[in-house]
Amino acid sequence: MNAILLFITLTGGGTLIAVLGLLLVRRKYDKRQTASDHEVGGYMLSILGTLYAVVLGFVVVDVSEQVRSAKADISTEVNSILNINRFADGLPDKSKQELNAALVDYTQSVADIEWPMLPKGVLCKETWFAMKHIWGAIKEIDPQTPKQQAFYSSIIESYNQLQTARRNRLIAAAGYVSPVLWMVLIGGASITIIFTYFFSTQTVRSQVVMTSLVAVTLGLNLYLVVVYSSPFSGDFKISSISFRLATAIMQNTNDGPPTAMHFKKNIFGFVE
């Protein structure tokens, strides 16, 4: 779903429902009927709000940490590829060319084919075979000198890091939030808003404003959970630009940086 549409649905739609519920309660019950319960209700709302804030804050931090971890794994994966590419300079020309060709094939496959498949949880066979091609090229290396042996050891170490980071990325692509947790979040938000109906103000307008602010705040937090729970889909998805950059670096034959890369940003400032 489009990020703007999702934002409007959660915040605007939730606020509208909350206000309609408030107006219905105010029409059915006179504010004087609940005025005597304000003091006790205030303490209970404070406890309820605190408990829900703890749960909601924990979930928001958890899903945002998952996104941060996914970005870190992608960085490790790309850096490992570039490290292997650099260490290959210390190998014989034939081994170097075969290994670098396998690395380019892998980064192109990830960026062009595998990346759109990540939200669907489908393994990309092209990238799978590209990964096997890298390992096949590494196994064919036969270091003849202590210098080549040192480069070969570094390549093996970087390849292991690449494998681990790739597995972590594929796991993070699931972007899963338990349905039970969603029930708790939505139910807690609903109960919190409904609880505010028992506190009547002198004018309906001021209570509508206060209820709307509570609903918007809760909607914004739920919006963050939705966005962060799917790090590889939507308008805020993690970009594959790092793999495209790695491809450009490895294909660059000049001494300077690659000049063919142009970073584009969408309206949210995210690189596409």
C-alpha atoms as a PDB file:
ATOM      1  CA  MET A   1       0.000   0.000   0.000  1.00  0.00           C
ATOM      2  CA  ASN A   2       1.168   3.516  -0.789  1.00  0.00           C
ATOM      3  CA  ALA A   3       2.799   5.186   2.231  1.00  0.00           C
ATOM      4  CA  ILE A   4       0.617   8.296   2.044  1.00  0.00           C
ATOM      5  CA  LEU A   5      -2.586   6.257   1.703  1.00  0.00           C
ATOM      6  CA  LEU A   6      -1.536   4.056   4.611  1.00  0.00           C
ATOM      7  CA  PHE A   7      -0.763   7.138   6.693  1.00  0.00           C
ATOM      8  CA  ILE A   8      -4.174   8.657   5.965  1.00  0.00           C
ATOM      9  CA  THR A   9      -5.928   5.363   6.699  1.00  0.00           C
ATOM     10  CA  LEU A  10      -4.286   4.807  10.088  1.00  0.00           C
ATOM     11  CA  THR A  11      -4.249   8.373  11.366  1.00  0.00           C
ATOM     12  CA  GLY A  12      -7.185   9.975   9.581  1.00  0.00           C
ATOM     13  CA  GLY A  13      -9.441   6.912   9.614  1.00  0.00           C
ATOM     14  CA  GLY A  14      -8.620   6.075  13.222  1.00  0.00           C
ATOM     15  CA  THR A  15      -9.218   9.665  14.314  1.00  0.00           C
ATOM     16  CA  LEU A  16     -12.556   9.812  12.507  1.00  0.00           C
ATOM     17  CA  ILE A  17     -13.760   6.625  14.193  1.00  0.00           C
ATOM     18  CA  ALA A  18     -12.574   7.902  17.578  1.00  0.00           C
ATOM     19  CA  VAL A  19     -14.422  11.213  17.167  1.00  0.00           C
ATOM     20  CA  LEU A  20     -17.618   9.523  15.977  1.00  0.00           C
ATOM     21  CA  GLY A  21     -17.497   7.249  19.036  1.00  0.00           C
ATOM     22  CA  LEU A  22     -17.026  10.263  21.288  1.00  0.00           C
ATOM     23  CA  LEU A  23     -19.982  12.126  19.785  1.00  0.00           C
ATOM     24  CA  LEU A  24     -22.142   9.032  20.169  1.00  0.00           C
ATOM     25  CA  VAL A  25     -21.242   8.705  23.845  1.00  0.00           C
ATOM     26  CA  ARG A  26     -21.767  12.426  24.509  1.00  0.00           C
ATOM     27  CA  ARG A  27     -25.168  12.270  22.881  1.00  0.00           C
ATOM     28  CA  LYS A  28     -26.254   9.261  24.918  1.00  0.00           C
ATOM     29  CA  TYR A  29     -24.772  10.257  28.280  1.00  0.00           C
ATOM     30  CA  ASP A  30     -24.818  13.660  29.922  1.00  0.00           C
ATOM     31  CA  LYS A  31     -21.441  14.908  31.076  1.00  0.00           C
ATOM     32  CA  ARG A  32     -22.778  15.289  34.611  1.00  0.00           C
ATOM     33  CA  GLN A  33     -23.280  11.524  34.811  1.00  0.00           C
ATOM     34  CA  THR A  34     -19.539  10.875  34.546  1.00  0.00           C
ATOM     35  CA  ALA A  35     -18.210  13.965  36.302  1.00  0.00           C
ATOM     36  CA  SER A  36     -18.160  12.244  39.706  1.00  0.00           C
ATOM     37  CA  ASP A  37     -15.907   9.494  38.348  1.00  0.00           C
ATOM     38  CA  HIS A  38     -13.222  11.772  36.915  1.00  0.00           C
ATOM     39  CA  GLU A  39     -10.812  11.498  39.841  1.00  0.00           C
ATOM     40  CA  VAL A  40     -10.779   7.690  40.011  1.00  0.00           C
ATOM     41  CA  GLY A  41     -10.920   7.399  36.235  1.00  0.00           C
ATOM     42  CA  GLY A  42      -7.924   9.691  35.900  1.00  0.00           C
ATOM     43  CA  TYR A  43      -5.742   7.348  37.959  1.00  0.00           C
ATOM     44  CA  MET A  44      -6.946   4.323  36.003  1.00  0.00           C
ATOM     45  CA  LEU A  45      -6.334   6.034  32.664  1.00  0.00           C
ATOM     46  CA  SER A  46      -2.837   6.941  33.810  1.00  0.00           C
ATOM     47  CA  ILE A  47      -2.102   3.293  34.633  1.00  0.00           C
ATOM     48  CA  LEU A  48      -3.673   2.073  31.402  1.00  0.00           C
ATOM     49  CA  GLY A  49      -1.821   4.638  29.298  1.00  0.00           C
ATOM     50  CA  THR A  50       1.496   3.802  30.923  1.00  0.00           C
ATOM     51  CA  LEU A  51       1.095   0.059  30.370  1.00  0.00           C
ATOM     52  CA  TYR A  52       0.109   0.538  26.741  1.00  0.00           C
ATOM     53  CA  ALA A  53       2.920   3.037  26.145  1.00  0.00           C
ATOM     54  CA  VAL A  54       5.444   0.482  27.408  1.00  0.00           C
ATOM     55  CA  VAL A  55       4.138  -2.216  25.054  1.00  0.00           C
ATOM     56  CA  LEU A  56       3.866   0.141  22.074  1.00  0.00           C
ATOM     57  CA  GLY A  57       7.297   1.636  22.701  1.00  0.00           C
ATOM     58  CA  PHE A  58       8.838  -1.827  22.955  1.00  0.00           C
ATOM     59  CA  VAL A  59       7.331  -2.878  19.624  1.00  0.00           C
ATOM     60  CA  VAL A  60       8.366   0.342  17.834  1.00  0.00           C
ATOM     61  CA  VAL A  61      11.933   0.027  19.106  1.00  0.00           C
ATOM     62  CA  ASP A  62      12.040  -3.677  18.215  1.00  0.00           C
ATOM     63  CA  VAL A  63      10.909  -3.253  14.596  1.00  0.00           C
ATOM     64  CA  SER A  64      13.152  -0.212  14.086  1.00  0.00           C
ATOM     65  CA  GLU A  65      16.072  -2.240  15.449  1.00  0.00           C
ATOM     66  CA  GLN A  66      15.265  -4.965  12.916  1.00  0.00           C
ATOM     67  CA  VAL A  67      15.522  -2.404  10.102  1.00  0.00           C
ATOM     68  CA  ARG A  68      18.813  -1.101  11.490  1.00  0.00           C
ATOM     69  CA  SER A  69      20.138  -4.662  11.726  1.00  0.00           C
ATOM     70  CA  ALA A  70      19.036  -5.398   8.138  1.00  0.00           C
ATOM     71  CA  LYS A  71      20.897  -2.323   6.891  1.00  0.00           C
ATOM     72  CA  ALA A  72      23.985  -3.393   8.827  1.00  0.00           C
ATOM     73  CA  ASP A  73      23.840  -6.881   7.266  1.00  0.00           C
ATOM     74  CA  ILE A  74      23.527  -5.362   3.789  1.00  0.00           C
ATOM     75  CA  SER A  75      26.526  -3.148   4.482  1.00  0.00           C
ATOM     76  CA  THR A  76      28.528  -6.170   5.653  1.00  0.00           C
ATOM     77  CA  GLU A  77      27.473  -8.169   2.592  1.00  0.00           C
ATOM     78  CA  VAL A  78      28.493  -5.448   0.139  1.00  0.00           C
ATOM     79  CA  ASN A  79      31.736  -4.669   1.941  1.00  0.00           C
ATOM     80  CA  SER A  80      32.643  -8.366   1.941  1.00  0.00           C
ATOM     81  CA  ILE A  81      32.091  -8.494  -1.822  1.00  0.00           C
ATOM     82  CA  LEU A  82      34.286  -5.454  -2.393  1.00  0.00           C
ATOM     83  CA  ASN A  83      36.943  -6.867  -0.060  1.00  0.00           C
ATOM     84  CA  ILE A  84      37.041 -10.102  -2.049  1.00  0.00           C
ATOM     85  CA  ASN A  85      37.314  -8.056  -5.228  1.00  0.00           C
ATOM     86  CA  ARG A  86      40.249  -6.106  -3.815  1.00  0.00           C
ATOM     87  CA  PHE A  87      42.021  -9.164  -2.405  1.00  0.00           C
ATOM     88  CA  ALA A  88      41.706 -10.832  -5.824  1.00  0.00           C
ATOM     89  CA  ASP A  89      44.305  -8.365  -7.088  1.00  0.00           C
ATOM     90  CA  GLY A  90      46.928 -10.518  -5.363  1.00  0.00           C
ATOM     91  CA  LEU A  91      45.930 -13.639  -7.309  1.00  0.00           C
ATOM     92  CA  PRO A  92      46.981 -14.870 -10.772  1.00  0.00           C
ATOM     93  CA  ASP A  93      45.165 -13.068 -13.594  1.00  0.00           C
ATOM     94  CA  LYS A  94      43.005 -16.041 -14.552  1.00  0.00           C
ATOM     95  CA  SER A  95      41.740 -16.602 -10.996  1.00  0.00           C
ATOM     96  CA  LYS A  96      41.247 -12.874 -10.505  1.00  0.00           C
ATOM     97  CA  GLN A  97      39.155 -12.463 -13.655  1.00  0.00           C
ATOM     98  CA  GLU A  98      36.993 -15.498 -12.950  1.00  0.00           C
ATOM     99  CA  LEU A  99      36.351 -14.455  -9.344  1.00  0.00           C
ATOM    100  CA  ASN A 100      35.573 -10.826 -10.218  1.00  0.00           C
ATOM    101  CA  ALA A 101      33.180 -11.931 -12.963  1.00  0.00           C
ATOM    102  CA  ALA A 102      31.352 -14.098 -10.426  1.00  0.00           C
ATOM    103  CA  LEU A 103      31.146 -11.188  -7.964  1.00  0.00           C
ATOM    104  CA  VAL A 104      29.691  -8.830 -10.589  1.00  0.00           C
ATOM    105  CA  ASP A 105      27.202 -11.473 -11.631  1.00  0.00           C
ATOM    106  CA  TYR A 106      26.117 -11.795  -7.996  1.00  0.00           C
ATOM    107  CA  THR A 107      25.659  -8.067  -7.301  1.00  0.00           C
ATOM    108  CA  GLN A 108      23.739  -7.564 -10.544  1.00  0.00           C
ATOM    109  CA  SER A 109      21.514 -10.547  -9.783  1.00  0.00           C
ATOM    110  CA  VAL A 110      20.764  -9.292  -6.270  1.00  0.00           C
ATOM    111  CA  ALA A 111      19.917  -5.753  -7.413  1.00  0.00           C
ATOM    112  CA  ASP A 112      17.948  -6.611 -10.548  1.00  0.00           C
ATOM    113  CA  ILE A 113      16.271  -9.936  -9.794  1.00  0.00           C
ATOM    114  CA  GLU A 114      16.407 -10.878  -6.120  1.00  0.00           C
ATOM    115  CA  TRP A 115      15.542  -7.504  -4.566  1.00  0.00           C
ATOM    116  CA  PRO A 116      11.942  -7.320  -5.887  1.00  0.00           C
ATOM    117  CA  MET A 117      11.422 -10.921  -4.729  1.00  0.00           C
ATOM    118  CA  LEU A 118      12.491 -10.329  -1.113  1.00  0.00           C
ATOM    119  CA  PRO A 119       9.083  -9.142   0.211  1.00  0.00           C
ATOM    120  CA  LYS A 120       7.461 -12.245  -1.295  1.00  0.00           C
ATOM    121  CA  GLY A 121       9.784 -14.597   0.582  1.00  0.00           C
ATOM    122  CA  VAL A 122      10.829 -16.335  -2.643  1.00  0.00           C
ATOM    123  CA  LEU A 123      14.424 -17.491  -3.109  1.00  0.00           C
ATOM    124  CA  CYS A 124      16.048 -16.282  -6.315  1.00  0.00           C
ATOM    125  CA  LYS A 125      17.625 -19.172  -8.199  1.00  0.00           C
ATOM    126  CA  GLU A 126      19.785 -16.818 -10.303  1.00  0.00           C
ATOM    127  CA  THR A 127      21.367 -15.352  -7.188  1.00  0.00           C
ATOM    128  CA  TRP A 128      21.679 -18.811  -5.664  1.00  0.00           C
ATOM    129  CA  PHE A 129      23.695 -20.031  -8.645  1.00  0.00           C
ATOM    130  CA  ALA A 130      25.695 -16.786  -8.690  1.00  0.00           C
ATOM    131  CA  MET A 131      26.686 -17.470  -5.079  1.00  0.00           C
ATOM    132  CA  LYS A 132      27.742 -21.000  -6.013  1.00  0.00           C
ATOM    133  CA  HIS A 133      29.735 -19.522  -8.892  1.00  0.00           C
ATOM    134  CA  ILE A 134      31.681 -17.362  -6.423  1.00  0.00           C
ATOM    135  CA  TRP A 135      32.471 -20.359  -4.250  1.00  0.00           C
ATOM    136  CA  GLY A 136      33.433 -22.405  -7.301  1.00  0.00           C
ATOM    137  CA  ALA A 137      35.855 -19.680  -8.391  1.00  0.00           C
ATOM    138  CA  ILE A 138      37.368 -19.544  -4.892  1.00  0.00           C
ATOM    139  CA  LYS A 139      37.845 -23.328  -4.767  1.00  0.00           C
ATOM    140  CA  GLU A 140      39.718 -23.226  -8.078  1.00  0.00           C
ATOM    141  CA  ILE A 141      42.307 -20.807  -6.680  1.00  0.00           C
ATOM    142  CA  ASP A 142      45.687 -22.459  -6.152  1.00  0.00           C
ATOM    143  CA  PRO A 143      47.975 -20.021  -4.283  1.00  0.00           C
ATOM    144  CA  GLN A 144      51.618 -20.590  -5.162  1.00  0.00           C
ATOM    145  CA  THR A 145      53.418 -18.051  -2.991  1.00  0.00           C
ATOM    146  CA  PRO A 146      53.099 -16.940   0.659  1.00  0.00           C
ATOM    147  CA  LYS A 147      51.718 -13.618  -0.616  1.00  0.00           C
ATOM    148  CA  GLN A 148      49.011 -15.340  -2.639  1.00  0.00           C
ATOM    149  CA  GLN A 149      48.252 -17.581   0.346  1.00  0.00           C
ATOM    150  CA  ALA A 150      47.707 -14.489   2.524  1.00  0.00           C
ATOM    151  CA  PHE A 151      45.317 -13.004  -0.031  1.00  0.00           C
ATOM    152  CA  TYR A 152      43.526 -16.340  -0.348  1.00  0.00           C
ATOM    153  CA  SER A 153      43.005 -16.563   3.431  1.00  0.00           C
ATOM    154  CA  SER A 154      41.534 -13.068   3.443  1.00  0.00           C
ATOM    155  CA  ILE A 155      39.210 -14.020   0.585  1.00  0.00           C
ATOM    156  CA  ILE A 156      37.961 -17.069   2.512  1.00  0.00           C
ATOM    157  CA  GLU A 157      37.321 -14.919   5.596  1.00  0.00           C
ATOM    158  CA  SER A 158      35.417 -12.315   3.583  1.00  0.00           C
ATOM    159  CA  TYR A 159      33.414 -15.015   1.827  1.00  0.00           C
ATOM    160  CA  ASN A 160      32.288 -16.421   5.183  1.00  0.00           C
ATOM    161  CA  GLN A 161      31.181 -12.944   6.230  1.00  0.00           C
ATOM    162  CA  LEU A 162      29.337 -12.594   2.925  1.00  0.00           C
ATOM    163  CA  GLN A 163      27.477 -15.862   3.473  1.00  0.00           C
ATOM    164  CA  THR A 164      26.441 -14.937   7.017  1.00  0.00           C
ATOM    165  CA  ALA A 165      25.283 -11.442   6.034  1.00  0.00           C
ATOM    166  CA  ARG A 166      23.299 -12.847   3.099  1.00  0.00           C
ATOM    167  CA  ARG A 167      21.475 -15.346   5.322  1.00  0.00           C
ATOM    168  CA  ASN A 168      20.644 -12.608   7.820  1.00  0.00           C
ATOM    169  CA  ARG A 169      19.287 -10.406   5.014  1.00  0.00           C
ATOM    170  CA  LEU A 170      17.035 -13.172   3.739  1.00  0.00           C
ATOM    171  CA  ILE A 171      15.707 -13.773   7.250  1.00  0.00           C
ATOM    172  CA  ALA A 172      15.088 -10.044   7.797  1.00  0.00           C
ATOM    173  CA  ALA A 173      13.170  -9.860   4.512  1.00  0.00           C
ATOM    174  CA  ALA A 174      10.299 -11.777   6.130  1.00  0.00           C
ATOM    175  CA  GLY A 175       9.358  -8.637   8.084  1.00  0.00           C
ATOM    176  CA  TYR A 176       7.064 -10.515  10.453  1.00  0.00           C
ATOM    177  CA  VAL A 177       4.989  -9.085  13.300  1.00  0.00           C
ATOM    178  CA  SER A 178       2.897 -11.628  15.193  1.00  0.00           C
ATOM    179  CA  PRO A 179      -0.904 -11.399  14.661  1.00  0.00           C
ATOM    180  CA  VAL A 180      -1.287 -11.710  18.429  1.00  0.00           C
ATOM    181  CA  LEU A 181       0.922  -8.665  18.848  1.00  0.00           C
ATOM    182  CA  TRP A 182      -1.191  -6.764  16.327  1.00  0.00           C
ATOM    183  CA  MET A 183      -4.296  -7.674  18.326  1.00  0.00           C
ATOM    184  CA  VAL A 184      -2.674  -6.305  21.474  1.00  0.00           C
ATOM    185  CA  LEU A 185      -1.595  -3.085  19.764  1.00  0.00           C
ATOM    186  CA  ILE A 186      -4.931  -2.380  18.080  1.00  0.00           C
ATOM    187  CA  GLY A 187      -6.961  -3.498  21.106  1.00  0.00           C
ATOM    188  CA  GLY A 188      -4.851  -1.407  23.475  1.00  0.00           C
ATOM    189  CA  ALA A 189      -5.202   1.674  21.265  1.00  0.00           C
ATOM    190  CA  SER A 190      -8.974   1.202  21.063  1.00  0.00           C
ATOM    191  CA  ILE A 191      -9.350   0.765  24.826  1.00  0.00           C
ATOM    192  CA  THR A 192      -7.207   3.828  25.510  1.00  0.00           C
ATOM    193  CA  ILE A 193      -9.324   5.990  23.233  1.00  0.00           C
ATOM    194  CA  ILE A 194     -12.600   4.635  24.592  1.00  0.00           C
ATOM    195  CA  PHE A 195     -11.408   5.337  28.126  1.00  0.00           C
ATOM    196  CA  THR A 196     -11.120   9.041  27.268  1.00  0.00           C
ATOM    197  CA  TYR A 197     -14.874   9.145  26.577  1.00  0.00           C
ATOM    198  CA  PHE A 198     -15.540   8.975  30.320  1.00  0.00           C
ATOM    199  CA  PHE A 199     -13.918  12.357  30.831  1.00  0.00           C
ATOM    200  CA  SER A 200     -16.265  15.163  29.809  1.00  0.00           C
ATOM    201  CA  THR A 201     -15.256  18.758  29.191  1.00  0.00           C
ATOM    202  CA  GLN A 202     -17.455  21.842  29.242  1.00  0.00           C
ATOM    203  CA  THR A 203     -17.614  21.947  25.447  1.00  0.00           C
ATOM    204  CA  VAL A 204     -17.767  19.073  22.980  1.00  0.00           C
ATOM    205  CA  ARG A 205     -15.359  20.875  20.658  1.00  0.00           C
ATOM    206  CA  SER A 206     -12.478  20.867  23.128  1.00  0.00           C
ATOM    207  CA  GLN A 207     -12.999  17.179  23.916  1.00  0.00           C
ATOM    208  CA  VAL A 208     -13.086  16.369  20.202  1.00  0.00           C
ATOM    209  CA  VAL A 209      -9.732  18.126  19.776  1.00  0.00           C
ATOM    210  CA  MET A 210      -8.160  16.266  22.698  1.00  0.00           C
ATOM    211  CA  THR A 211      -9.526  12.890  21.587  1.00  0.00           C
ATOM    212  CA  SER A 212      -8.326  13.567  18.045  1.00  0.00           C
ATOM    213  CA  LEU A 213      -4.808  14.320  19.285  1.00  0.00           C
ATOM    214  CA  VAL A 214      -4.732  11.069  21.262  1.00  0.00           C
ATOM    215  CA  ALA A 215      -5.966   9.106  18.238  1.00  0.00           C
ATOM    216  CA  VAL A 216      -3.454  10.746  15.890  1.00  0.00           C
ATOM    217  CA  THR A 217      -0.573  10.023  18.278  1.00  0.00           C
ATOM    218  CA  LEU A 218      -1.539   6.367  18.555  1.00  0.00           C
ATOM    219  CA  GLY A 219      -2.058   6.163  14.785  1.00  0.00           C
ATOM    220  CA  LEU A 220       1.409   7.578  14.125  1.00  0.00           C
ATOM    221  CA  ASN A 221       3.018   4.948  16.327  1.00  0.00           C
ATOM    222  CA  LEU A 222       1.063   2.133  14.680  1.00  0.00           C
ATOM    223  CA  TYR A 223       2.102   3.582  11.324  1.00  0.00           C
ATOM    224  CA  LEU A 224       5.751   3.264  12.350  1.00  0.00           C
ATOM    225  CA  VAL A 225       5.205  -0.377  13.273  1.00  0.00           C
ATOM    226  CA  VAL A 226       3.615  -1.103   9.884  1.00  0.00           C
ATOM    227  CA  VAL A 227       6.374   0.672   7.957  1.00  0.00           C
ATOM    228  CA  TYR A 228       9.280  -0.854   9.883  1.00  0.00           C
ATOM    229  CA  SER A 229       7.802  -4.354   9.905  1.00  0.00           C
ATOM    230  CA  SER A 230       8.352  -4.612   6.117  1.00  0.00           C
ATOM    231  CA  PRO A 231      11.878  -3.277   5.494  1.00  0.00           C
ATOM    232  CA  PHE A 232      12.009  -4.452   1.849  1.00  0.00           C
ATOM    233  CA  SER A 233       8.603  -3.279   0.629  1.00  0.00           C
ATOM    234  CA  GLY A 234       6.653  -0.028   0.432  1.00  0.00           C
ATOM    235  CA  ASP A 235       7.832   3.534  -0.112  1.00  0.00           C
ATOM    236  CA  PHE A 236      10.274   3.306   2.800  1.00  0.00           C
ATOM    237  CA  LYS A 237      11.898   0.052   1.692  1.00  0.00           C
ATOM    238  CA  ILE A 238      15.646  -0.411   1.898  1.00  0.00           C
ATOM    239  CA  SER A 239      17.199   0.390  -1.451  1.00  0.00           C
ATOM    240  CA  SER A 240      19.415  -1.928  -3.483  1.00  0.00           C
ATOM    241  CA  ILE A 241      21.654   1.016  -4.378  1.00  0.00           C
ATOM    242  CA  SER A 242      24.600  -0.402  -2.402  1.00  0.00           C
ATOM    243  CA  PHE A 243      24.742  -3.477  -4.668  1.00  0.00           C
ATOM    244  CA  ARG A 244      24.505  -1.299  -7.777  1.00  0.00           C
ATOM    245  CA  LEU A 245      27.318   0.830  -6.431  1.00  0.00           C
ATOM    246  CA  ALA A 246      29.403  -2.282  -5.782  1.00  0.00           C
ATOM    247  CA  THR A 247      28.809  -3.391  -9.377  1.00  0.00           C
ATOM    248  CA  ALA A 248      29.916   0.000 -10.692  1.00  0.00           C
ATOM    249  CA  ILE A 249      33.063  -0.080  -8.539  1.00  0.00           C
ATOM    250  CA  MET A 250      34.069  -3.563  -9.687  1.00  0.00           C
ATOM    251  CA  GLN A 251      33.415  -2.743 -13.344  1.00  0.00           C
ATOM    252  CA  ASN A 252      35.302   0.532 -13.112  1.00  0.00           C
ATOM    253  CA  THR A 253      38.569   0.399 -15.064  1.00  0.00           C
ATOM    254  CA  ASN A 254      39.681   3.945 -14.286  1.00  0.00           C
ATOM    255  CA  ASP A 255      41.836   5.031 -11.400  1.00  0.00           C
ATOM    256  CA  GLY A 256      39.140   7.441 -10.190  1.00  0.00           C
ATOM    257  CA  PRO A 257      35.691   6.682  -8.747  1.00  0.00           C
ATOM    258  CA  PRO A 258      32.916   5.368 -11.018  1.00  0.00           C
ATOM    259  CA  THR A 259      31.163   8.204 -12.850  1.00  0.00           C
ATOM    260  CA  ALA A 260      28.110   6.352 -14.145  1.00  0.00           C
ATOM    261  CA  MET A 261      26.289   6.246 -10.808  1.00  0.00           C
ATOM    262  CA  HIS A 262      23.496   8.747 -10.229  1.00  0.00           C
ATOM    263  CA  PHE A 263      21.615   8.557  -6.948  1.00  0.00           C
ATOM    264  CA  LYS A 264      17.927   9.432  -7.192  1.00  0.00           C
ATOM    265  CA  LYS A 265      15.772  10.218  -4.174  1.00  0.00           C
ATOM    266  CA  ASN A 266      12.004   9.976  -3.882  1.00  0.00           C
ATOM    267  CA  ILE A 267       9.793  12.524  -2.120  1.00  0.00           C
ATOM    268  CA  PHE A 268      10.657  10.994   1.233  1.00  0.00           C
ATOM    269  CA  GLY A 269      14.395  11.439   0.685  1.00  0.00           C
ATOM    270  CA  PHE A 270      15.093   7.716   0.244  1.00  0.00           C
ATOM    271  CA  VAL A 271      17.587   6.643  -2.396  1.00  0.00           C
ATOM    272  CA  GLU A 272      16.020   4.645  -5.218  1.00  0.00           C
END
